[in-house]
Amino acid sequence: MAGEPFNPIRFARNAVLIASGCGLVAWIVVASAIPNLSPKRFHTVVEGELYRSGKLTPAAFKTVVREHDIKTIVDLGAWPDGSVEDTRAARTAEALGVDRVEFDLHGDATGELDEYAQALAIMIDPARQPVLIHCGAGTERTGCAVMLYRTLIEGADVESAYAEAESIGHSGDRNPKLRGVYDAARPVVEAALQQQ
């Protein structure tokens, strides 16, 4: 029984479809596995005391808490309050025996400036350390909080603190507000620290 003659157009079409399907499957596997294996933008600020990241899946949350003995999570607004994701994050923290403190800052780092003061008070409290501070992307709200920590607690200059924020993912073109928020928050946070 003779088969159909070789059709290069059909062969090429089928090859493209198979390659596209394999590529899609690979992308889905990587996109769903990577956040569970590697926390988003995880970095050490001060070893044993303070860490930073973007939002975490429950699996990544568990990994970070166990590997770094995290006692307190400072969530600067990674998930909308009351959302499924927010509830999941709260339950994950509870299951792991970690205190989770939430703030409601906006993705561009704006919001109530005294929330940065409250967050910084937690970040520097030895009884609550090690602390993981995070937001959605780990670049803007977290970037501002770490800039405040670097300048007010460690005495770093603002330019080096801002350069660190940029090295972790902040872009002044994408969000020109970060530096202004830092400048406005600094005196508020400084005054709060003096009252402690």
N, C-alpha and C. Protein backbone atom coordinates (compact mmCIF):
# COMPACT_ATOMS: atom_id res chain seq x y z
N MET A 1 0.85 -1.17 0.00
CA MET A 1 0.00 0.00 0.00
C MET A 1 0.89 1.23 0.00
N ALA A 2 0.73 2.03 -0.94
CA ALA A 2 1.57 3.21 -1.11
C ALA A 2 0.99 4.36 -0.30
N GLY A 3 1.88 5.11 0.40
CA GLY A 3 1.45 6.27 1.17
C GLY A 3 1.37 7.50 0.29
N GLU A 4 0.89 8.55 0.86
CA GLU A 4 0.83 9.81 0.12
C GLU A 4 2.24 10.30 -0.15
N PRO A 5 2.44 11.01 -1.21
CA PRO A 5 3.77 11.56 -1.49
C PRO A 5 4.13 12.62 -0.44
N PHE A 6 5.41 12.77 -0.25
CA PHE A 6 5.92 13.74 0.71
C PHE A 6 5.46 15.14 0.33
N ASN A 7 4.87 15.83 1.30
CA ASN A 7 4.39 17.20 1.08
C ASN A 7 5.19 18.12 2.00
N PRO A 8 6.14 18.87 1.46
CA PRO A 8 6.99 19.72 2.31
C PRO A 8 6.22 20.82 3.04
N ILE A 9 5.16 21.31 2.45
CA ILE A 9 4.38 22.37 3.11
C ILE A 9 3.68 21.81 4.34
N ARG A 10 3.06 20.64 4.21
CA ARG A 10 2.40 20.01 5.34
C ARG A 10 3.43 19.64 6.42
N PHE A 11 4.58 19.14 6.00
CA PHE A 11 5.64 18.78 6.93
C PHE A 11 6.08 20.01 7.73
N ALA A 12 6.31 21.13 7.04
CA ALA A 12 6.76 22.36 7.69
C ALA A 12 5.69 22.87 8.67
N ARG A 13 4.43 22.83 8.24
CA ARG A 13 3.33 23.28 9.11
C ARG A 13 3.27 22.42 10.37
N ASN A 14 3.35 21.11 10.21
CA ASN A 14 3.29 20.20 11.37
C ASN A 14 4.49 20.41 12.29
N ALA A 15 5.67 20.63 11.69
CA ALA A 15 6.86 20.87 12.49
C ALA A 15 6.71 22.14 13.32
N VAL A 16 6.18 23.20 12.71
CA VAL A 16 5.95 24.46 13.43
C VAL A 16 4.93 24.26 14.54
N LEU A 17 3.86 23.54 14.28
CA LEU A 17 2.84 23.30 15.31
C LEU A 17 3.41 22.50 16.48
N ILE A 18 4.20 21.49 16.19
CA ILE A 18 4.79 20.67 17.25
C ILE A 18 5.78 21.51 18.06
N ALA A 19 6.63 22.27 17.38
CA ALA A 19 7.61 23.11 18.08
C ALA A 19 6.90 24.17 18.93
N SER A 20 5.84 24.77 18.40
CA SER A 20 5.08 25.77 19.15
C SER A 20 4.45 25.16 20.38
N GLY A 21 3.87 23.98 20.22
CA GLY A 21 3.26 23.28 21.36
C GLY A 21 4.28 22.96 22.43
N CYS A 22 5.45 22.47 22.01
CA CYS A 22 6.51 22.16 22.98
C CYS A 22 6.98 23.43 23.69
N GLY A 23 7.12 24.51 22.94
CA GLY A 23 7.54 25.78 23.52
C GLY A 23 6.53 26.30 24.54
N LEU A 24 5.25 26.18 24.21
CA LEU A 24 4.20 26.61 25.13
C LEU A 24 4.22 25.79 26.41
N VAL A 25 4.35 24.49 26.28
CA VAL A 25 4.41 23.62 27.46
C VAL A 25 5.62 23.98 28.31
N ALA A 26 6.78 24.18 27.68
CA ALA A 26 7.99 24.55 28.43
C ALA A 26 7.79 25.88 29.15
N TRP A 27 7.19 26.85 28.47
CA TRP A 27 6.96 28.16 29.09
C TRP A 27 6.03 28.03 30.30
N ILE A 28 4.97 27.24 30.18
CA ILE A 28 4.02 27.05 31.29
C ILE A 28 4.73 26.40 32.48
N VAL A 29 5.53 25.39 32.22
CA VAL A 29 6.25 24.71 33.29
C VAL A 29 7.20 25.67 33.99
N VAL A 30 7.97 26.43 33.21
CA VAL A 30 8.93 27.37 33.79
C VAL A 30 8.20 28.48 34.55
N ALA A 31 7.16 29.05 33.94
CA ALA A 31 6.44 30.16 34.57
C ALA A 31 5.77 29.74 35.87
N SER A 32 5.34 28.50 35.97
CA SER A 32 4.69 28.06 37.20
C SER A 32 5.67 27.50 38.21
N ALA A 33 6.80 26.98 37.77
CA ALA A 33 7.76 26.37 38.69
C ALA A 33 8.73 27.39 39.29
N ILE A 34 9.20 28.32 38.49
CA ILE A 34 10.23 29.26 38.96
C ILE A 34 9.80 30.01 40.22
N PRO A 35 8.59 30.61 40.28
CA PRO A 35 8.22 31.33 41.51
C PRO A 35 8.16 30.43 42.74
N ASN A 36 7.92 29.15 42.54
CA ASN A 36 7.88 28.23 43.68
C ASN A 36 9.26 27.81 44.11
N LEU A 37 10.22 27.85 43.22
CA LEU A 37 11.58 27.44 43.54
C LEU A 37 12.44 28.60 43.99
N SER A 38 12.22 29.76 43.42
CA SER A 38 13.07 30.91 43.69
C SER A 38 12.20 32.12 43.99
N PRO A 39 12.28 32.66 45.20
CA PRO A 39 11.46 33.83 45.54
C PRO A 39 11.79 35.01 44.64
N LYS A 40 10.77 35.76 44.30
CA LYS A 40 10.91 36.91 43.40
C LYS A 40 11.79 37.99 44.04
N ARG A 41 12.89 38.33 43.37
CA ARG A 41 13.81 39.40 43.78
C ARG A 41 14.24 39.28 45.24
N PHE A 42 14.52 38.09 45.68
CA PHE A 42 14.97 37.89 47.06
C PHE A 42 16.42 38.37 47.20
N HIS A 43 16.67 39.18 48.23
CA HIS A 43 18.02 39.67 48.51
C HIS A 43 18.21 39.81 50.02
N THR A 44 19.43 39.66 50.44
CA THR A 44 19.80 39.89 51.83
C THR A 44 20.12 41.38 51.99
N VAL A 45 19.49 42.00 52.96
CA VAL A 45 19.82 43.39 53.31
C VAL A 45 20.90 43.35 54.39
N VAL A 46 20.62 42.65 55.48
CA VAL A 46 21.60 42.40 56.54
C VAL A 46 21.44 40.94 56.95
N GLU A 47 22.47 40.16 56.74
CA GLU A 47 22.42 38.73 57.04
C GLU A 47 21.94 38.47 58.46
N GLY A 48 20.94 37.60 58.59
CA GLY A 48 20.42 37.22 59.90
C GLY A 48 19.45 38.21 60.51
N GLU A 49 19.26 39.37 59.86
CA GLU A 49 18.38 40.40 60.41
C GLU A 49 17.28 40.84 59.47
N LEU A 50 17.65 41.12 58.21
CA LEU A 50 16.68 41.73 57.31
C LEU A 50 16.89 41.23 55.88
N TYR A 51 15.77 40.81 55.27
CA TYR A 51 15.76 40.32 53.89
C TYR A 51 14.65 41.04 53.14
N ARG A 52 14.72 41.02 51.82
CA ARG A 52 13.71 41.69 50.99
C ARG A 52 13.34 40.80 49.81
N SER A 53 12.12 41.02 49.28
CA SER A 53 11.70 40.27 48.09
C SER A 53 10.44 40.90 47.51
N GLY A 54 9.99 40.30 46.42
CA GLY A 54 8.68 40.58 45.88
C GLY A 54 7.70 39.60 46.51
N LYS A 55 6.46 39.59 46.00
CA LYS A 55 5.46 38.69 46.58
C LYS A 55 5.89 37.24 46.40
N LEU A 56 5.43 36.40 47.31
CA LEU A 56 5.87 35.02 47.38
C LEU A 56 4.70 34.05 47.21
N THR A 57 4.96 32.96 46.53
CA THR A 57 4.00 31.86 46.53
C THR A 57 4.11 31.16 47.88
N PRO A 58 3.12 30.36 48.28
CA PRO A 58 3.25 29.64 49.55
C PRO A 58 4.52 28.78 49.62
N ALA A 59 4.88 28.12 48.52
CA ALA A 59 6.09 27.28 48.53
C ALA A 59 7.35 28.12 48.72
N ALA A 60 7.44 29.25 48.02
CA ALA A 60 8.61 30.12 48.18
C ALA A 60 8.63 30.74 49.57
N PHE A 61 7.46 31.08 50.08
CA PHE A 61 7.32 31.62 51.43
C PHE A 61 7.92 30.64 52.45
N LYS A 62 7.52 29.38 52.32
CA LYS A 62 8.01 28.33 53.22
C LYS A 62 9.53 28.19 53.11
N THR A 63 10.05 28.21 51.91
CA THR A 63 11.50 28.08 51.70
C THR A 63 12.25 29.22 52.37
N VAL A 64 11.81 30.44 52.15
CA VAL A 64 12.49 31.61 52.72
C VAL A 64 12.42 31.58 54.25
N VAL A 65 11.26 31.29 54.78
CA VAL A 65 11.09 31.26 56.24
C VAL A 65 12.01 30.21 56.87
N ARG A 66 12.04 29.04 56.28
CA ARG A 66 12.86 27.96 56.86
C ARG A 66 14.36 28.21 56.67
N GLU A 67 14.76 28.68 55.48
CA GLU A 67 16.19 28.87 55.22
C GLU A 67 16.80 30.04 56.00
N HIS A 68 15.96 31.03 56.34
CA HIS A 68 16.49 32.23 56.99
C HIS A 68 15.89 32.46 58.38
N ASP A 69 15.13 31.49 58.87
CA ASP A 69 14.55 31.54 60.21
C ASP A 69 13.74 32.83 60.44
N ILE A 70 12.98 33.22 59.42
CA ILE A 70 12.21 34.47 59.47
C ILE A 70 11.18 34.42 60.60
N LYS A 71 11.14 35.48 61.40
CA LYS A 71 10.15 35.59 62.47
C LYS A 71 8.99 36.49 62.08
N THR A 72 9.30 37.52 61.26
CA THR A 72 8.28 38.52 60.94
C THR A 72 8.30 38.83 59.44
N ILE A 73 7.11 38.88 58.87
CA ILE A 73 6.94 39.31 57.48
C ILE A 73 6.30 40.70 57.52
N VAL A 74 6.93 41.63 56.84
CA VAL A 74 6.34 42.97 56.67
C VAL A 74 5.88 43.04 55.21
N ASP A 75 4.58 43.00 55.03
CA ASP A 75 3.97 43.03 53.70
C ASP A 75 3.48 44.46 53.43
N LEU A 76 4.12 45.11 52.48
CA LEU A 76 3.80 46.52 52.20
C LEU A 76 2.63 46.69 51.22
N GLY A 77 1.92 45.60 50.94
CA GLY A 77 0.75 45.69 50.07
C GLY A 77 0.86 44.82 48.84
N ALA A 78 1.43 43.64 48.99
CA ALA A 78 1.61 42.75 47.84
C ALA A 78 0.28 42.33 47.22
N TRP A 79 -0.71 42.12 48.05
CA TRP A 79 -2.01 41.65 47.56
C TRP A 79 -3.10 42.59 48.03
N PRO A 80 -4.17 42.75 47.26
CA PRO A 80 -5.30 43.56 47.74
C PRO A 80 -5.88 42.96 49.03
N ASP A 81 -6.17 43.81 49.98
CA ASP A 81 -6.70 43.38 51.27
C ASP A 81 -7.96 42.55 51.09
N GLY A 82 -7.99 41.38 51.70
CA GLY A 82 -9.15 40.51 51.63
C GLY A 82 -9.22 39.63 50.40
N SER A 83 -8.26 39.77 49.48
CA SER A 83 -8.27 38.94 48.27
C SER A 83 -7.90 37.50 48.62
N VAL A 84 -8.15 36.60 47.70
CA VAL A 84 -7.80 35.19 47.89
C VAL A 84 -6.30 35.07 48.18
N GLU A 85 -5.49 35.83 47.44
CA GLU A 85 -4.04 35.77 47.62
C GLU A 85 -3.62 36.29 48.99
N ASP A 86 -4.27 37.37 49.44
CA ASP A 86 -3.98 37.94 50.76
C ASP A 86 -4.34 36.94 51.85
N THR A 87 -5.50 36.31 51.72
CA THR A 87 -5.92 35.30 52.69
C THR A 87 -4.95 34.12 52.69
N ARG A 88 -4.51 33.70 51.51
CA ARG A 88 -3.55 32.60 51.42
C ARG A 88 -2.24 32.97 52.10
N ALA A 89 -1.76 34.21 51.89
CA ALA A 89 -0.52 34.65 52.51
C ALA A 89 -0.65 34.67 54.04
N ALA A 90 -1.80 35.13 54.53
CA ALA A 90 -2.04 35.15 55.98
C ALA A 90 -2.06 33.74 56.56
N ARG A 91 -2.73 32.83 55.86
CA ARG A 91 -2.80 31.44 56.34
C ARG A 91 -1.43 30.76 56.28
N THR A 92 -0.66 31.07 55.24
CA THR A 92 0.68 30.49 55.13
C THR A 92 1.55 30.97 56.28
N ALA A 93 1.50 32.26 56.58
CA ALA A 93 2.28 32.80 57.70
C ALA A 93 1.86 32.16 59.01
N GLU A 94 0.57 32.02 59.20
CA GLU A 94 0.06 31.40 60.43
C GLU A 94 0.53 29.95 60.53
N ALA A 95 0.44 29.20 59.44
CA ALA A 95 0.86 27.80 59.44
C ALA A 95 2.35 27.66 59.74
N LEU A 96 3.14 28.62 59.30
CA LEU A 96 4.58 28.58 59.53
C LEU A 96 4.99 29.21 60.86
N GLY A 97 4.03 29.76 61.59
CA GLY A 97 4.32 30.37 62.88
C GLY A 97 5.06 31.69 62.78
N VAL A 98 4.77 32.43 61.71
CA VAL A 98 5.43 33.71 61.45
C VAL A 98 4.44 34.84 61.63
N ASP A 99 4.87 35.90 62.29
CA ASP A 99 4.04 37.09 62.44
C ASP A 99 4.03 37.82 61.10
N ARG A 100 2.87 38.21 60.62
CA ARG A 100 2.75 38.94 59.35
C ARG A 100 2.05 40.26 59.62
N VAL A 101 2.73 41.35 59.26
CA VAL A 101 2.18 42.69 59.46
C VAL A 101 1.96 43.29 58.08
N GLU A 102 0.74 43.74 57.84
CA GLU A 102 0.38 44.27 56.52
C GLU A 102 0.25 45.79 56.55
N PHE A 103 0.70 46.39 55.46
CA PHE A 103 0.51 47.81 55.24
C PHE A 103 -0.16 47.98 53.88
N ASP A 104 -0.73 49.14 53.65
CA ASP A 104 -1.50 49.35 52.42
C ASP A 104 -0.89 50.47 51.58
N LEU A 105 0.35 50.29 51.18
CA LEU A 105 1.01 51.27 50.32
C LEU A 105 0.71 50.93 48.87
N HIS A 106 0.83 51.92 48.00
CA HIS A 106 0.52 51.73 46.58
C HIS A 106 1.75 51.24 45.81
N GLY A 107 1.51 50.63 44.67
CA GLY A 107 2.58 50.03 43.88
C GLY A 107 3.68 50.97 43.45
N ASP A 108 3.39 52.27 43.37
CA ASP A 108 4.42 53.24 42.99
C ASP A 108 5.15 53.80 44.21
N ALA A 109 4.92 53.20 45.37
CA ALA A 109 5.54 53.55 46.66
C ALA A 109 4.81 54.65 47.41
N THR A 110 3.77 55.24 46.82
CA THR A 110 3.02 56.28 47.51
C THR A 110 2.08 55.66 48.53
N GLY A 111 1.56 56.50 49.39
CA GLY A 111 0.63 56.06 50.43
C GLY A 111 0.89 56.85 51.70
N GLU A 112 0.36 56.36 52.80
CA GLU A 112 0.55 57.02 54.10
C GLU A 112 2.00 56.87 54.54
N LEU A 113 2.70 57.99 54.66
CA LEU A 113 4.13 57.95 54.96
C LEU A 113 4.44 57.37 56.33
N ASP A 114 3.50 57.51 57.28
CA ASP A 114 3.76 56.94 58.61
C ASP A 114 3.79 55.41 58.57
N GLU A 115 3.26 54.81 57.51
CA GLU A 115 3.36 53.35 57.38
C GLU A 115 4.81 52.93 57.16
N TYR A 116 5.60 53.76 56.49
CA TYR A 116 7.03 53.48 56.37
C TYR A 116 7.71 53.55 57.74
N ALA A 117 7.29 54.51 58.56
CA ALA A 117 7.85 54.61 59.91
C ALA A 117 7.52 53.37 60.73
N GLN A 118 6.27 52.91 60.63
CA GLN A 118 5.87 51.71 61.36
C GLN A 118 6.62 50.48 60.85
N ALA A 119 6.77 50.39 59.54
CA ALA A 119 7.49 49.25 58.96
C ALA A 119 8.95 49.26 59.40
N LEU A 120 9.58 50.44 59.40
CA LEU A 120 10.98 50.52 59.79
C LEU A 120 11.16 50.16 61.27
N ALA A 121 10.21 50.55 62.11
CA ALA A 121 10.29 50.18 63.53
C ALA A 121 10.31 48.66 63.70
N ILE A 122 9.53 47.96 62.89
CA ILE A 122 9.53 46.49 62.93
C ILE A 122 10.85 45.95 62.40
N MET A 123 11.32 46.52 61.30
CA MET A 123 12.55 46.05 60.66
C MET A 123 13.75 46.11 61.59
N ILE A 124 13.80 47.08 62.49
CA ILE A 124 14.98 47.26 63.35
C ILE A 124 14.78 46.68 64.75
N ASP A 125 13.65 46.09 65.02
CA ASP A 125 13.38 45.52 66.34
C ASP A 125 14.03 44.14 66.46
N PRO A 126 15.07 44.00 67.29
CA PRO A 126 15.75 42.71 67.41
C PRO A 126 14.83 41.55 67.80
N ALA A 127 13.77 41.86 68.57
CA ALA A 127 12.84 40.80 68.99
C ALA A 127 12.03 40.26 67.82
N ARG A 128 11.94 41.00 66.73
CA ARG A 128 11.15 40.57 65.57
C ARG A 128 12.00 40.05 64.43
N GLN A 129 13.30 40.12 64.58
CA GLN A 129 14.21 39.68 63.52
C GLN A 129 14.47 38.19 63.61
N PRO A 130 14.82 37.61 62.50
CA PRO A 130 14.95 38.13 61.15
C PRO A 130 13.60 38.52 60.54
N VAL A 131 13.63 39.60 59.78
CA VAL A 131 12.44 40.16 59.14
C VAL A 131 12.58 40.02 57.63
N LEU A 132 11.49 39.66 56.98
CA LEU A 132 11.40 39.72 55.51
C LEU A 132 10.43 40.83 55.17
N ILE A 133 10.90 41.81 54.42
CA ILE A 133 10.02 42.89 53.96
C ILE A 133 9.79 42.69 52.47
N HIS A 134 8.53 42.82 52.06
CA HIS A 134 8.23 42.62 50.64
C HIS A 134 7.00 43.39 50.22
N CYS A 135 6.87 43.53 48.91
CA CYS A 135 5.68 44.10 48.29
C CYS A 135 5.37 43.25 47.07
N GLY A 136 4.71 43.79 46.08
CA GLY A 136 4.37 43.00 44.90
C GLY A 136 5.57 42.64 44.06
N ALA A 137 6.27 43.65 43.56
CA ALA A 137 7.42 43.42 42.69
C ALA A 137 8.73 43.36 43.47
N GLY A 138 8.75 43.95 44.66
CA GLY A 138 9.99 44.01 45.42
C GLY A 138 10.89 45.15 45.01
N THR A 139 10.33 46.13 44.28
CA THR A 139 11.18 47.20 43.76
C THR A 139 10.81 48.59 44.28
N GLU A 140 9.54 48.91 44.41
CA GLU A 140 9.15 50.29 44.72
C GLU A 140 8.91 50.50 46.22
N ARG A 141 7.86 49.90 46.78
CA ARG A 141 7.59 50.05 48.21
C ARG A 141 8.73 49.47 49.03
N THR A 142 9.15 48.27 48.66
CA THR A 142 10.28 47.64 49.36
C THR A 142 11.54 48.45 49.13
N GLY A 143 11.72 48.94 47.92
CA GLY A 143 12.89 49.77 47.61
C GLY A 143 12.95 51.01 48.48
N CYS A 144 11.81 51.66 48.67
CA CYS A 144 11.76 52.86 49.50
C CYS A 144 12.06 52.52 50.96
N ALA A 145 11.47 51.44 51.46
CA ALA A 145 11.70 51.03 52.85
C ALA A 145 13.18 50.71 53.09
N VAL A 146 13.79 50.02 52.14
CA VAL A 146 15.20 49.67 52.30
C VAL A 146 16.08 50.91 52.15
N MET A 147 15.70 51.84 51.28
CA MET A 147 16.44 53.11 51.19
C MET A 147 16.41 53.84 52.54
N LEU A 148 15.23 53.86 53.17
CA LEU A 148 15.11 54.50 54.48
C LEU A 148 15.98 53.78 55.51
N TYR A 149 15.98 52.47 55.47
CA TYR A 149 16.82 51.68 56.37
C TYR A 149 18.30 51.99 56.15
N ARG A 150 18.72 51.96 54.89
CA ARG A 150 20.14 52.19 54.57
C ARG A 150 20.59 53.58 55.02
N THR A 151 19.76 54.60 54.79
CA THR A 151 20.19 55.97 55.10
C THR A 151 20.01 56.32 56.57
N LEU A 152 18.88 55.98 57.17
CA LEU A 152 18.60 56.39 58.54
C LEU A 152 19.21 55.47 59.59
N ILE A 153 19.30 54.19 59.30
CA ILE A 153 19.82 53.24 60.28
C ILE A 153 21.31 52.99 60.07
N GLU A 154 21.70 52.77 58.82
CA GLU A 154 23.09 52.46 58.53
C GLU A 154 23.95 53.68 58.19
N GLY A 155 23.31 54.81 57.92
CA GLY A 155 24.05 56.03 57.62
C GLY A 155 24.57 56.12 56.19
N ALA A 156 24.04 55.31 55.30
CA ALA A 156 24.46 55.36 53.89
C ALA A 156 23.97 56.66 53.25
N ASP A 157 24.64 57.08 52.19
CA ASP A 157 24.16 58.26 51.47
C ASP A 157 23.00 57.84 50.56
N VAL A 158 22.13 58.79 50.27
CA VAL A 158 20.93 58.50 49.51
C VAL A 158 21.24 58.00 48.10
N GLU A 159 22.31 58.49 47.51
CA GLU A 159 22.64 58.06 46.15
C GLU A 159 22.99 56.58 46.08
N SER A 160 23.75 56.08 47.05
CA SER A 160 24.08 54.65 47.04
C SER A 160 22.85 53.81 47.36
N ALA A 161 21.98 54.32 48.24
CA ALA A 161 20.74 53.59 48.56
C ALA A 161 19.83 53.54 47.33
N TYR A 162 19.77 54.64 46.59
CA TYR A 162 18.96 54.67 45.37
C TYR A 162 19.56 53.76 44.30
N ALA A 163 20.88 53.75 44.20
CA ALA A 163 21.55 52.86 43.23
C ALA A 163 21.24 51.40 43.53
N GLU A 164 21.17 51.05 44.82
CA GLU A 164 20.80 49.68 45.20
C GLU A 164 19.38 49.36 44.72
N ALA A 165 18.46 50.32 44.91
CA ALA A 165 17.08 50.11 44.45
C ALA A 165 17.05 49.86 42.95
N GLU A 166 17.84 50.62 42.22
CA GLU A 166 17.90 50.44 40.76
C GLU A 166 18.50 49.08 40.40
N SER A 167 19.50 48.65 41.14
CA SER A 167 20.16 47.37 40.83
C SER A 167 19.22 46.19 41.06
N ILE A 168 18.20 46.38 41.88
CA ILE A 168 17.26 45.30 42.17
C ILE A 168 16.02 45.36 41.29
N GLY A 169 15.84 46.43 40.53
CA GLY A 169 14.74 46.46 39.58
C GLY A 169 13.97 47.75 39.47
N HIS A 170 14.22 48.72 40.35
CA HIS A 170 13.53 50.00 40.21
C HIS A 170 14.00 50.70 38.95
N SER A 171 13.08 51.34 38.26
CA SER A 171 13.41 52.16 37.09
C SER A 171 12.75 53.52 37.26
N GLY A 172 13.57 54.56 37.25
CA GLY A 172 13.04 55.92 37.34
C GLY A 172 12.17 56.29 36.16
N ASP A 173 12.41 55.68 35.02
CA ASP A 173 11.56 55.92 33.84
C ASP A 173 10.18 55.32 34.05
N ARG A 174 10.13 54.13 34.62
CA ARG A 174 8.86 53.44 34.85
C ARG A 174 8.10 54.06 36.03
N ASN A 175 8.84 54.42 37.08
CA ASN A 175 8.22 55.01 38.26
C ASN A 175 9.07 56.18 38.76
N PRO A 176 8.78 57.38 38.30
CA PRO A 176 9.56 58.54 38.73
C PRO A 176 9.22 59.01 40.15
N LYS A 177 8.27 58.37 40.82
CA LYS A 177 7.82 58.84 42.14
C LYS A 177 8.68 58.35 43.30
N LEU A 178 9.44 57.28 43.12
CA LEU A 178 10.14 56.66 44.26
C LEU A 178 11.03 57.65 45.01
N ARG A 179 11.84 58.38 44.30
CA ARG A 179 12.76 59.30 44.98
C ARG A 179 12.00 60.38 45.74
N GLY A 180 10.91 60.90 45.15
CA GLY A 180 10.10 61.90 45.84
C GLY A 180 9.42 61.33 47.09
N VAL A 181 8.96 60.09 47.00
CA VAL A 181 8.35 59.46 48.18
C VAL A 181 9.40 59.30 49.27
N TYR A 182 10.58 58.84 48.90
CA TYR A 182 11.66 58.71 49.88
C TYR A 182 11.93 60.07 50.54
N ASP A 183 12.08 61.12 49.74
CA ASP A 183 12.37 62.46 50.27
C ASP A 183 11.28 62.93 51.22
N ALA A 184 10.02 62.63 50.91
CA ALA A 184 8.91 63.04 51.78
C ALA A 184 8.82 62.16 53.03
N ALA A 185 9.13 60.87 52.89
CA ALA A 185 9.02 59.94 54.02
C ALA A 185 10.16 60.10 55.02
N ARG A 186 11.32 60.48 54.54
CA ARG A 186 12.49 60.53 55.42
C ARG A 186 12.27 61.35 56.70
N PRO A 187 11.79 62.60 56.63
CA PRO A 187 11.60 63.35 57.88
C PRO A 187 10.52 62.74 58.78
N VAL A 188 9.50 62.15 58.17
CA VAL A 188 8.43 61.50 58.96
C VAL A 188 9.01 60.32 59.73
N VAL A 189 9.78 59.50 59.03
CA VAL A 189 10.37 58.31 59.64
C VAL A 189 11.43 58.71 60.67
N GLU A 190 12.23 59.71 60.35
CA GLU A 190 13.27 60.19 61.25
C GLU A 190 12.65 60.69 62.56
N ALA A 191 11.55 61.45 62.45
CA ALA A 191 10.87 61.97 63.65
C ALA A 191 10.31 60.82 64.49
N ALA A 192 9.75 59.82 63.82
CA ALA A 192 9.21 58.65 64.54
C ALA A 192 10.31 57.89 65.26
N LEU A 193 11.47 57.76 64.63
CA LEU A 193 12.59 57.06 65.25
C LEU A 193 13.08 57.80 66.49
N GLN A 194 13.08 59.13 66.46
CA GLN A 194 13.53 59.93 67.58
C GLN A 194 12.58 59.82 68.78
N GLN A 195 11.32 59.49 68.51
CA GLN A 195 10.34 59.37 69.59
C GLN A 195 10.38 57.99 70.25
N GLN A 196 11.10 57.05 69.66
CA GLN A 196 11.16 55.70 70.24
C GLN A 196 12.04 55.67 71.46
